[in-house]
Protein backbone atom coordinates (compact mmCIF):
# COMPACT_ATOMS: atom_id res chain seq x y z
CA MET A 1 23.34 -3.51 -4.09
CA LEU A 2 26.84 -4.99 -3.66
CA ALA A 3 28.50 -7.27 -6.31
CA LEU A 4 32.05 -6.63 -5.33
CA ALA A 5 33.53 -10.07 -4.90
CA THR A 6 35.66 -9.89 -8.08
CA PRO A 7 38.96 -11.72 -8.50
CA VAL A 8 41.91 -10.00 -6.87
CA VAL A 9 44.36 -9.03 -9.57
CA LEU A 10 47.61 -7.30 -8.95
CA PRO A 11 47.70 -4.30 -11.33
CA ALA A 12 50.52 -4.01 -13.75
CA GLN A 13 52.86 -1.10 -13.32
CA SER A 14 52.57 1.73 -15.68
CA ASN A 15 55.37 4.11 -16.75
CA ALA A 16 53.51 6.96 -14.99
CA GLN A 17 53.51 5.16 -11.61
CA PRO A 18 56.42 5.13 -9.19
CA GLU A 19 58.08 1.82 -8.32
CA LEU A 20 57.37 -0.19 -5.26
CA SER A 21 60.13 -0.41 -2.89
CA GLU A 22 62.47 -3.49 -3.05
CA SER A 23 61.16 -4.89 0.27
CA VAL A 24 57.69 -4.69 -0.83
CA SER A 25 58.34 -6.11 -4.34
CA GLU A 26 60.18 -9.06 -2.69
CA GLY A 27 57.28 -9.58 -0.21
CA LEU A 28 54.74 -9.61 -3.10
CA GLU A 29 56.53 -12.51 -4.64
CA LYS A 30 54.99 -14.56 -1.88
CA LEU A 31 51.51 -13.30 -2.57
CA ARG A 32 50.78 -14.97 -5.82
CA PRO A 33 50.72 -18.51 -4.53
CA LEU A 34 48.45 -17.35 -1.81
CA LEU A 35 45.99 -15.73 -4.15
CA ASP A 36 46.04 -18.78 -6.38
CA ALA A 37 45.20 -20.95 -3.50
CA LYS A 38 42.50 -18.51 -2.30
CA ASP A 39 44.28 -18.38 1.09
CA TRP A 40 42.71 -14.96 1.82
CA ASP A 41 43.79 -14.93 5.49
CA GLY A 42 47.38 -15.75 4.54
CA ALA A 43 47.40 -13.02 1.97
CA LEU A 44 45.98 -10.54 4.48
CA ALA A 45 48.59 -11.46 6.98
CA LEU A 46 51.34 -11.04 4.45
CA LEU A 47 49.96 -7.71 3.14
CA SER A 48 49.19 -6.31 6.66
CA GLY A 49 52.76 -7.05 7.63
CA LEU A 50 54.18 -5.34 4.72
CA ALA A 51 51.80 -2.35 5.22
CA ALA A 52 52.85 -1.94 8.95
CA LYS A 53 56.56 -1.44 7.69
CA ALA A 54 55.63 0.92 4.85
CA LYS A 55 56.17 4.64 5.11
CA PRO A 56 53.16 7.09 5.38
CA ASP A 57 51.99 8.72 2.17
CA THR A 58 53.98 6.44 -0.02
CA PHE A 59 53.08 4.42 -3.14
CA ASP A 60 54.01 1.25 -1.06
CA LEU A 61 51.23 2.07 1.48
CA ALA A 62 48.68 2.98 -1.07
CA PHE A 63 49.32 -0.11 -3.26
CA LEU A 64 49.30 -2.39 -0.34
CA SER A 65 46.15 -0.74 1.19
CA ASP A 66 44.20 -0.95 -2.19
CA THR A 67 45.16 -4.70 -2.28
CA ILE A 68 44.06 -5.44 1.27
CA GLY A 69 40.66 -3.72 0.59
CA LYS A 70 40.17 -5.84 -2.47
CA ILE A 71 40.77 -8.98 -0.60
CA TYR A 72 38.36 -7.99 2.14
CA LEU A 73 35.76 -7.52 -0.67
CA GLN A 74 36.64 -10.95 -2.02
CA LYS A 75 35.83 -12.34 1.44
CA ALA A 76 32.62 -10.31 1.64
CA GLU A 77 33.86 -8.61 4.78
CA TYR A 78 32.78 -5.21 3.32
CA ALA A 79 33.11 -3.12 6.50
CA LYS A 80 36.67 -4.20 7.03
CA ALA A 81 37.51 -3.06 3.43
CA ILE A 82 36.60 0.69 4.23
CA LYS A 83 39.70 1.62 6.23
CA PRO A 84 42.42 0.31 3.77
CA MET A 85 40.44 1.52 0.71
CA GLU A 86 40.10 5.01 2.23
CA THR A 87 43.80 4.97 3.05
CA ALA A 88 44.62 4.27 -0.44
CA LEU A 89 42.15 6.86 -1.75
CA ALA A 90 43.51 9.54 0.47
CA ILE A 91 47.01 9.05 -0.75
CA SER A 92 46.06 8.84 -4.39
CA GLU A 93 44.29 12.27 -3.93
CA LYS A 94 47.62 13.75 -3.08
CA HIS A 95 49.61 11.82 -5.75
CA PRO A 96 47.38 11.57 -8.77
CA ASN A 97 50.07 9.53 -10.60
CA PHE A 98 49.93 6.61 -8.22
CA PHE A 99 46.89 4.96 -9.68
CA ARG A 100 45.13 5.09 -13.02
CA VAL A 101 41.83 7.11 -13.08
CA ASN A 102 39.64 3.99 -13.40
CA VAL A 103 41.27 2.45 -10.42
CA VAL A 104 40.60 5.46 -8.36
CA GLN A 105 37.06 5.61 -9.68
CA ASP A 106 36.56 1.95 -8.64
CA MET A 107 37.65 2.76 -5.11
CA ILE A 108 35.33 5.65 -4.82
CA TYR A 109 32.39 3.54 -6.19
CA PHE A 110 33.17 0.53 -3.94
CA LEU A 111 33.33 2.98 -0.85
CA ALA A 112 29.96 4.35 -1.83
CA GLN A 113 28.35 0.88 -2.15
CA ILE A 114 29.87 -0.34 1.04
CA TYR A 115 28.77 2.60 3.15
CA TYR A 116 25.32 2.24 1.70
CA GLN A 117 25.18 -1.51 2.52
CA GLU A 118 26.44 -0.89 6.03
CA ALA A 119 23.95 1.78 6.61
CA ALA A 120 21.03 -0.31 5.19
CA SER A 121 21.89 -3.30 7.44
CA SER A 122 22.47 -1.15 10.62
CA LYS A 123 19.76 -0.87 13.30
CA VAL A 124 21.24 2.23 14.80
CA PRO A 125 19.72 5.35 13.39
CA ALA A 126 22.72 7.60 13.84
CA GLU A 127 24.93 5.03 12.15
CA GLN A 128 22.39 4.57 9.43
CA ARG A 129 22.25 8.36 8.58
CA GLU A 130 26.08 8.73 8.75
CA GLY A 131 26.42 5.76 6.37
CA TYR A 132 24.00 7.14 3.86
CA LEU A 133 25.66 10.59 4.05
CA LYS A 134 29.14 9.12 3.51
CA ALA A 135 27.90 6.84 0.64
CA ASN A 136 26.19 9.88 -0.96
CA SER A 137 29.34 11.95 -0.57
CA TYR A 138 31.50 9.41 -2.41
CA LEU A 139 28.94 8.73 -5.05
CA GLU A 140 28.62 12.37 -5.90
CA LYS A 141 32.30 12.37 -6.19
CA TRP A 142 32.30 9.51 -8.56
CA LEU A 143 29.51 11.14 -10.69
CA ALA A 144 31.45 14.43 -10.90
CA ARG A 145 34.54 12.68 -12.16
CA SER A 146 32.90 10.17 -14.36
CA THR A 147 33.45 10.58 -18.23
CA LYS A 148 31.17 7.79 -19.17
CA PRO A 149 28.28 8.57 -21.65
CA ALA A 150 24.73 8.42 -20.61
CA SER A 151 24.23 5.28 -22.65
CA ASP A 152 26.79 3.45 -20.64
CA ALA A 153 25.10 0.81 -18.19
CA THR A 154 27.55 1.78 -15.31
CA GLN A 155 26.66 5.45 -15.59
CA GLN A 156 22.91 4.64 -15.65
CA ASP A 157 23.41 2.36 -12.46
CA ALA A 158 25.18 5.06 -10.76
CA VAL A 159 22.44 7.73 -11.38
CA LEU A 160 19.88 5.16 -9.99
CA PHE A 161 22.08 4.40 -7.06
CA HIS A 162 22.35 8.20 -6.43
CA ALA A 163 18.51 8.47 -6.57
CA SER A 164 18.22 5.60 -4.06
CA LEU A 165 20.53 7.14 -1.69
CA LEU A 166 18.91 10.68 -1.90
CA TYR A 167 15.51 8.94 -1.37
CA ASN A 168 16.65 7.11 1.77
CA LEU A 169 18.16 10.36 3.12
CA ALA A 170 14.75 12.02 2.45
CA VAL A 171 12.65 9.50 4.31
CA PHE A 172 15.13 8.70 7.03
CA ASN A 173 12.77 10.38 9.47
CA PRO A 174 9.26 9.44 8.31
CA GLU A 175 7.84 12.12 10.78
CA LYS A 176 9.74 14.90 8.95
CA ILE A 177 10.51 14.15 5.23
CA ASP A 178 13.52 15.98 3.91
CA ARG A 179 11.85 17.73 0.94
CA ALA A 180 15.10 18.98 -0.51
CA SER A 181 16.53 15.48 -0.77
CA LEU A 182 13.29 14.06 -2.03
CA SER A 183 13.24 16.72 -4.82
CA ALA A 184 16.94 15.87 -5.65
CA ALA A 185 15.95 12.14 -5.73
CA GLU A 186 13.17 12.87 -8.15
CA SER A 187 15.53 14.90 -10.48
CA GLU A 188 17.93 11.90 -10.50
CA VAL A 189 15.15 9.49 -11.35
CA GLU A 190 13.90 11.67 -14.11
CA LYS A 191 17.47 11.87 -15.39
CA ALA A 192 17.82 8.08 -15.11
CA LEU A 193 14.57 7.45 -17.04
CA ARG A 194 15.81 9.64 -19.95
CA MET A 195 19.03 7.75 -20.10
CA SER A 196 17.62 4.40 -21.41
CA ALA A 197 14.92 3.22 -23.72
CA HIS A 198 14.14 0.48 -21.50
CA PRO A 199 14.44 1.64 -17.83
CA LYS A 200 14.82 -1.03 -15.15
CA GLU A 201 11.72 -1.92 -13.02
CA ASN A 202 13.24 -0.72 -9.69
CA LEU A 203 13.70 2.70 -11.28
CA TYR A 204 9.99 3.01 -11.91
CA ALA A 205 9.32 1.52 -8.31
CA LEU A 206 11.64 4.26 -6.93
CA ALA A 207 9.89 7.00 -9.00
CA LEU A 208 6.48 5.63 -7.68
CA ALA A 209 7.76 5.76 -4.00
CA ILE A 210 8.80 9.50 -4.47
CA CYS A 211 5.32 10.34 -5.81
CA GLN A 212 3.70 8.75 -2.75
CA GLN A 213 6.03 10.67 -0.28
CA LYS A 214 5.21 14.09 -1.74
CA ASP A 215 2.83 16.47 0.15
CA PRO A 216 0.32 16.04 -1.27
CA PRO A 217 1.05 12.74 -2.91
CA ASP A 218 1.36 13.10 -6.70
CA TYR A 219 -1.32 10.53 -7.64
CA VAL A 220 -1.53 11.65 -11.27
CA ARG A 221 2.16 10.83 -11.84
CA ALA A 222 1.80 7.67 -9.77
CA ALA A 223 -0.97 6.52 -12.00
CA GLU A 224 1.14 7.10 -15.15
CA ILE A 225 3.95 4.99 -13.73
CA LEU A 226 1.81 2.24 -12.56
CA GLU A 227 0.13 2.06 -16.03
CA LEU A 228 3.60 1.53 -17.55
CA LEU A 229 4.39 -1.10 -14.84
CA VAL A 230 1.07 -3.05 -15.38
CA LYS A 231 1.78 -2.98 -19.11
CA LYS A 232 5.31 -4.21 -18.89
CA TYR A 233 4.62 -6.63 -15.97
CA PRO A 234 1.03 -7.69 -16.14
CA GLN A 235 1.59 -10.77 -14.01
CA LYS A 236 2.66 -8.71 -10.97
CA LYS A 237 -0.57 -8.45 -9.03
CA ASP A 238 0.78 -5.89 -6.44
CA TYR A 239 1.03 -3.20 -9.29
CA TRP A 240 -2.76 -3.77 -10.14
CA ALA A 241 -3.82 -3.32 -6.58
CA GLN A 242 -1.69 -0.06 -6.40
CA LEU A 243 -3.09 1.21 -9.70
CA ALA A 244 -6.72 0.75 -8.46
CA GLY A 245 -5.80 2.44 -5.17
CA VAL A 246 -4.23 5.45 -6.92
CA TYR A 247 -7.37 5.87 -9.09
CA LEU A 248 -9.68 5.62 -6.11
CA ASN A 249 -7.61 8.36 -4.24
CA LEU A 250 -7.97 10.55 -7.47
CA GLY A 251 -11.71 9.58 -7.37
CA GLN A 252 -12.04 11.80 -4.36
CA ASP A 253 -11.35 14.96 -6.28
CA LYS A 254 -13.69 17.97 -5.52
CA ASP A 255 -14.30 18.28 -9.22
CA GLU A 256 -17.12 15.98 -9.86
CA GLN A 257 -16.29 15.22 -13.34
CA LYS A 258 -12.66 14.45 -12.68
CA ALA A 259 -13.79 12.31 -9.67
CA ARG A 260 -16.17 10.28 -11.90
CA GLU A 261 -13.57 9.83 -14.58
CA ASN A 262 -11.09 8.42 -12.14
CA ASN A 263 -13.55 6.16 -10.47
CA ILE A 264 -14.26 4.80 -13.94
CA ARG A 265 -10.55 4.19 -14.37
CA ALA A 266 -10.41 2.39 -11.02
CA ILE A 267 -13.28 0.13 -12.14
CA LEU A 268 -11.34 -0.58 -15.30
CA ALA A 269 -8.09 -1.16 -13.51
CA ILE A 270 -9.89 -3.73 -11.12
CA GLU A 271 -11.64 -5.47 -14.05
CA ARG A 272 -8.47 -5.71 -16.10
CA ALA A 273 -6.73 -7.18 -13.05
CA GLN A 274 -9.61 -9.70 -12.64
CA ALA A 275 -9.32 -10.71 -16.25
CA LEU A 276 -5.79 -11.88 -15.40
CA GLY A 277 -6.87 -13.66 -12.26
CA PHE A 278 -6.07 -10.92 -9.72
CA MET A 279 -8.00 -8.89 -7.37
CA ASN A 280 -10.71 -11.42 -6.89
CA THR A 281 -10.82 -11.51 -3.08
CA PRO A 282 -14.25 -11.02 -1.37
CA LYS A 283 -13.07 -7.53 -0.11
CA GLU A 284 -11.91 -6.53 -3.69
CA ASN A 285 -15.00 -7.68 -5.29
CA TYR A 286 -17.02 -5.73 -2.67
CA ASN A 287 -14.95 -2.56 -3.36
CA LEU A 288 -15.71 -2.92 -7.05
CA VAL A 289 -19.40 -2.81 -6.23
CA GLY A 290 -18.80 0.23 -4.14
CA VAL A 291 -17.14 2.08 -7.05
CA TYR A 292 -20.00 1.17 -9.41
CA PHE A 293 -22.26 2.83 -6.83
CA ASN A 294 -19.95 5.96 -6.72
CA VAL A 295 -20.40 6.48 -10.44
CA GLY A 296 -24.09 5.97 -10.33
CA GLN A 297 -24.21 2.67 -12.04
CA PHE A 298 -26.73 1.15 -9.53
CA GLY A 299 -28.01 -1.51 -11.67
CA GLN A 300 -24.63 -3.01 -12.51
CA ALA A 301 -23.55 -2.54 -8.89
CA THR A 302 -26.72 -4.37 -7.66
CA GLU A 303 -26.27 -7.37 -10.09
CA LEU A 304 -22.55 -7.65 -9.14
CA LEU A 305 -23.38 -7.53 -5.34
CA HIS A 306 -26.22 -10.12 -5.78
CA ALA A 307 -24.09 -12.53 -7.87
CA GLY A 308 -21.13 -12.16 -5.44
CA LEU A 309 -23.22 -12.95 -2.47
CA ARG A 310 -24.74 -16.03 -4.10
CA LYS A 311 -21.39 -17.25 -5.31
CA GLY A 312 -19.57 -16.49 -2.22
CA THR A 313 -17.12 -14.05 -3.95
CA ILE A 314 -18.44 -11.43 -1.76
CA GLU A 315 -18.66 -11.95 2.11
CA SER A 316 -22.18 -13.18 3.17
CA GLU A 317 -22.67 -10.72 5.80
CA GLN A 318 -25.92 -9.52 6.87
CA LYS A 319 -25.01 -5.70 6.08
CA ASN A 320 -24.16 -6.78 2.69
CA TRP A 321 -27.43 -8.49 2.07
CA GLU A 322 -29.10 -5.37 3.47
CA LEU A 323 -27.12 -3.17 0.97
CA LEU A 324 -28.26 -5.44 -1.71
CA ALA A 325 -31.93 -4.88 -0.79
CA TYR A 326 -31.41 -1.12 -0.60
CA SER A 327 -29.79 -1.24 -4.03
CA TYR A 328 -32.86 -2.86 -5.50
CA GLN A 329 -35.00 -0.16 -3.88
CA GLN A 330 -32.82 2.40 -5.53
CA VAL A 331 -33.54 1.04 -8.99
CA ASP A 332 -37.24 0.73 -8.28
CA ARG A 333 -37.27 -3.04 -7.88
CA PRO A 334 -39.02 -3.49 -4.46
CA PHE A 335 -40.01 -7.06 -4.99
CA GLN A 336 -36.50 -8.13 -5.71
CA ALA A 337 -35.45 -6.20 -2.55
CA ILE A 338 -37.86 -8.23 -0.56
CA ASP A 339 -36.61 -11.48 -2.21
CA ALA A 340 -33.09 -10.43 -1.32
CA LEU A 341 -34.02 -9.91 2.32
CA LYS A 342 -35.88 -13.22 2.43
CA GLU A 343 -32.78 -14.97 0.96
CA ALA A 344 -30.65 -13.25 3.60
CA ALA A 345 -33.03 -14.39 6.28
CA LYS A 346 -32.24 -18.03 5.31
CA HIS A 347 -28.54 -17.25 6.06
CA PHE A 348 -29.44 -15.25 9.35
CA PRO A 349 -32.50 -16.96 10.71
CA LYS A 350 -32.44 -14.96 14.01
CA ALA A 351 -32.07 -11.51 12.47
CA GLY A 352 -35.34 -9.84 13.06
CA GLN A 353 -33.93 -6.66 11.49
CA LEU A 354 -34.26 -8.31 8.10
CA ASP A 355 -38.07 -8.97 8.62
CA PHE A 356 -38.49 -5.40 9.75
CA GLN A 357 -37.04 -4.19 6.54
CA ILE A 358 -39.29 -6.47 4.63
CA GLY A 359 -42.30 -5.04 6.56
CA GLN A 360 -41.25 -1.51 5.62
CA ILE A 361 -41.04 -2.30 1.94
CA PHE A 362 -44.36 -4.06 2.02
CA TYR A 363 -46.05 -1.22 3.72
CA GLY A 364 -44.61 1.12 1.02
CA LEU A 365 -46.36 -1.07 -1.49
CA ASN A 366 -49.67 -0.65 0.27
CA LYS A 367 -49.50 -4.23 1.31
CA THR A 368 -50.45 -3.78 4.94
CA THR A 369 -51.33 -7.24 5.88
CA GLU A 370 -47.97 -8.59 4.44
CA ALA A 371 -46.15 -5.74 6.44
CA TYR A 372 -48.02 -6.92 9.55
CA ASP A 373 -46.90 -10.52 9.11
CA ALA A 374 -43.32 -9.43 8.45
CA LEU A 375 -43.26 -7.14 11.65
CA GLN A 376 -44.78 -9.88 13.82
CA SER A 377 -41.86 -12.23 12.64
CA ALA A 378 -39.33 -9.39 13.35
CA VAL A 379 -40.39 -8.89 17.05
CA LYS A 380 -40.49 -12.58 17.52
CA LYS A 381 -36.95 -13.11 16.34
CA GLY A 382 -35.57 -9.98 18.09
CA ASN A 383 -32.04 -8.81 17.37
CA LEU A 384 -33.33 -5.49 16.34
CA ASP A 385 -31.21 -2.35 15.80
CA LYS A 386 -33.97 -0.12 17.19
CA PRO A 387 -36.53 -2.12 19.03
CA ALA A 388 -38.76 0.86 19.91
CA ALA A 389 -38.94 1.89 16.26
CA VAL A 390 -40.00 -1.51 15.37
CA TYR A 391 -42.73 -1.89 17.97
CA GLY A 392 -43.97 1.63 17.21
CA PHE A 393 -44.22 0.77 13.50
CA LEU A 394 -46.04 -2.61 14.35
CA SER A 395 -48.35 -0.61 16.55
CA TYR A 396 -49.12 1.84 13.69
CA VAL A 397 -49.83 -1.08 11.24
CA CYS A 398 -52.05 -2.86 13.70
CA TYR A 399 -54.01 0.48 14.24
CA GLU A 400 -54.49 0.66 10.43
CA LEU A 401 -55.64 -2.90 10.39
CA SER A 402 -57.99 -2.27 13.27
CA ARG A 403 -56.21 -4.69 15.49
CA PHE A 404 -56.43 -2.19 18.32
CA ASP A 405 -55.57 -4.51 21.30
CA GLU A 406 -52.36 -5.66 19.44
CA ALA A 407 -51.58 -2.10 18.54
CA LEU A 408 -51.92 -0.92 22.14
CA ALA A 409 -49.77 -3.79 23.33
CA ALA A 410 -47.08 -2.87 20.74
CA ALA A 411 -47.31 0.82 21.72
CA ASN A 412 -46.84 0.13 25.40
CA LYS A 413 -43.82 -2.09 24.64
CA ALA A 414 -42.17 0.65 22.61
CA LEU A 415 -42.83 3.30 25.17
CA SER A 416 -41.22 1.06 27.74
CA LEU A 417 -37.97 1.20 25.92
CA PRO A 418 -35.51 3.99 26.76
CA GLU A 419 -34.93 4.92 23.13
CA SER A 420 -38.67 5.94 22.74
CA LYS A 421 -38.16 8.86 25.05
CA SER A 422 -37.45 11.17 22.04
CA ASP A 423 -40.35 9.99 20.02
CA ASN A 424 -43.09 12.44 20.16
CA GLN A 425 -45.48 10.43 17.91
CA LEU A 426 -45.88 7.38 20.05
CA PRO A 427 -47.88 8.97 22.91
CA ARG A 428 -50.17 10.48 20.37
CA LEU A 429 -50.50 7.10 18.65
CA LYS A 430 -51.25 5.33 22.00
CA THR A 431 -54.08 8.07 22.76
CA ALA A 432 -55.50 7.47 19.32
CA ILE A 433 -55.60 3.68 19.82
CA GLU A 434 -57.06 4.10 23.30
CA GLU A 435 -59.84 6.30 21.87
CA ALA A 436 -60.47 3.70 19.29
CA ILE A 437 -60.86 0.95 21.79
CA ARG A 438 -63.25 3.16 23.81
CA GLU A 439 -65.34 3.68 20.77
CA ARG A 440 -65.33 0.01 19.88
CA GLU A 441 -66.28 -0.81 23.47
CA ALA A 442 -69.09 1.71 23.39
CA GLN A 443 -70.35 0.39 20.09
CA ARG A 444 -70.42 -3.06 21.56
CA ALA A 445 -72.15 -1.96 24.66
CA ALA A 446 -74.90 -0.15 22.51
CA VAL A 447 -75.41 -3.39 20.53
CA ASN A 448 -75.75 -5.47 23.59
CA THR A 449 -78.30 -3.02 25.16
CA SER A 450 -80.47 -2.95 21.97
CA ALA A 451 -80.40 -6.67 21.88
């Protein structure tokens, strides 16, 4: 914010100004060599000695204090410049003819900047807030007195500075946003945006921050700002991520049509970013798949997911492969779902849950034998989400295939597991299996007797 280390130039006396006293004038004759040699400490010692002897509320003291302040600025010791500059300013307020208007305006602007920087660098909350308040007070005074046109760069910078100050005051306590200051900051930002045909990037960034701090956040305005930023600064990847995030937030609208439109905008934002080489992390690729699901584009989502898992641009996690299989089922491609699960099994050879899902799909295709093989593999591997359900399903498939002994063993295993307590079908299935076994044994006995 500060760029104050300007050369110290002793101002020429104007006819409207009073004369410096003879003692001060004589003392200042020794100042020029010190300034030329950049002996700032020597200059400060000389000026401080003269100021100590100057009478209060005089042009001598105002002039010396102003010069001392400027030397501290030159040394980048900004905090030390505050007291002498405030002294000079206070005297000039009582005696408007002591300094030219532009000199007084510079004092006010410098003080606003110094207080802002001191506040921003402080780690003491009370000092920070006090610094921002003082900076804002001086800046508002500068703006009230300024006669610069809106097209003037300094005027534009001052309005942006004011907006930044108000924003800092608004969010000083994140737990309790100062809505009045936030609204005032927004008004200043909008004013600054109208002052230039080519607003600065940090002005847009401030406008964006204000949108995000509103309650609720103004995502519509944020999207407009971010669209401008990605157009103007397409190589800044953070803006693309923010733009996609804003559209995703808008995609949660209760109005289904609006939600769909904004989810589509999120897809386009991500794909525009990817075309520039951004937003290509596995997480971001997975999020893109999710948004395609949200808008009902299951085919495209499925192809993106499968390609991403194969290429490694989406993390090869078991849940992602399971989602792929589910996706193929949603678009009525069960055999590709099975292939996806088999491919997943190569990556996760101990995951019986994958074989269980294969068995379910085969059973739905009336391929009971294939379902049986997959279920056998599932229980052999283990690592099942709900073992009782798997053993119960295996028992049922075995019953259909007349593998009654295996069916009974699987039913008993399922019933031995705690999670089966709430399953009312298993006991009936076991009873049916036992009845089938008795019938089988009776038939065998009858055959043996007749033989």
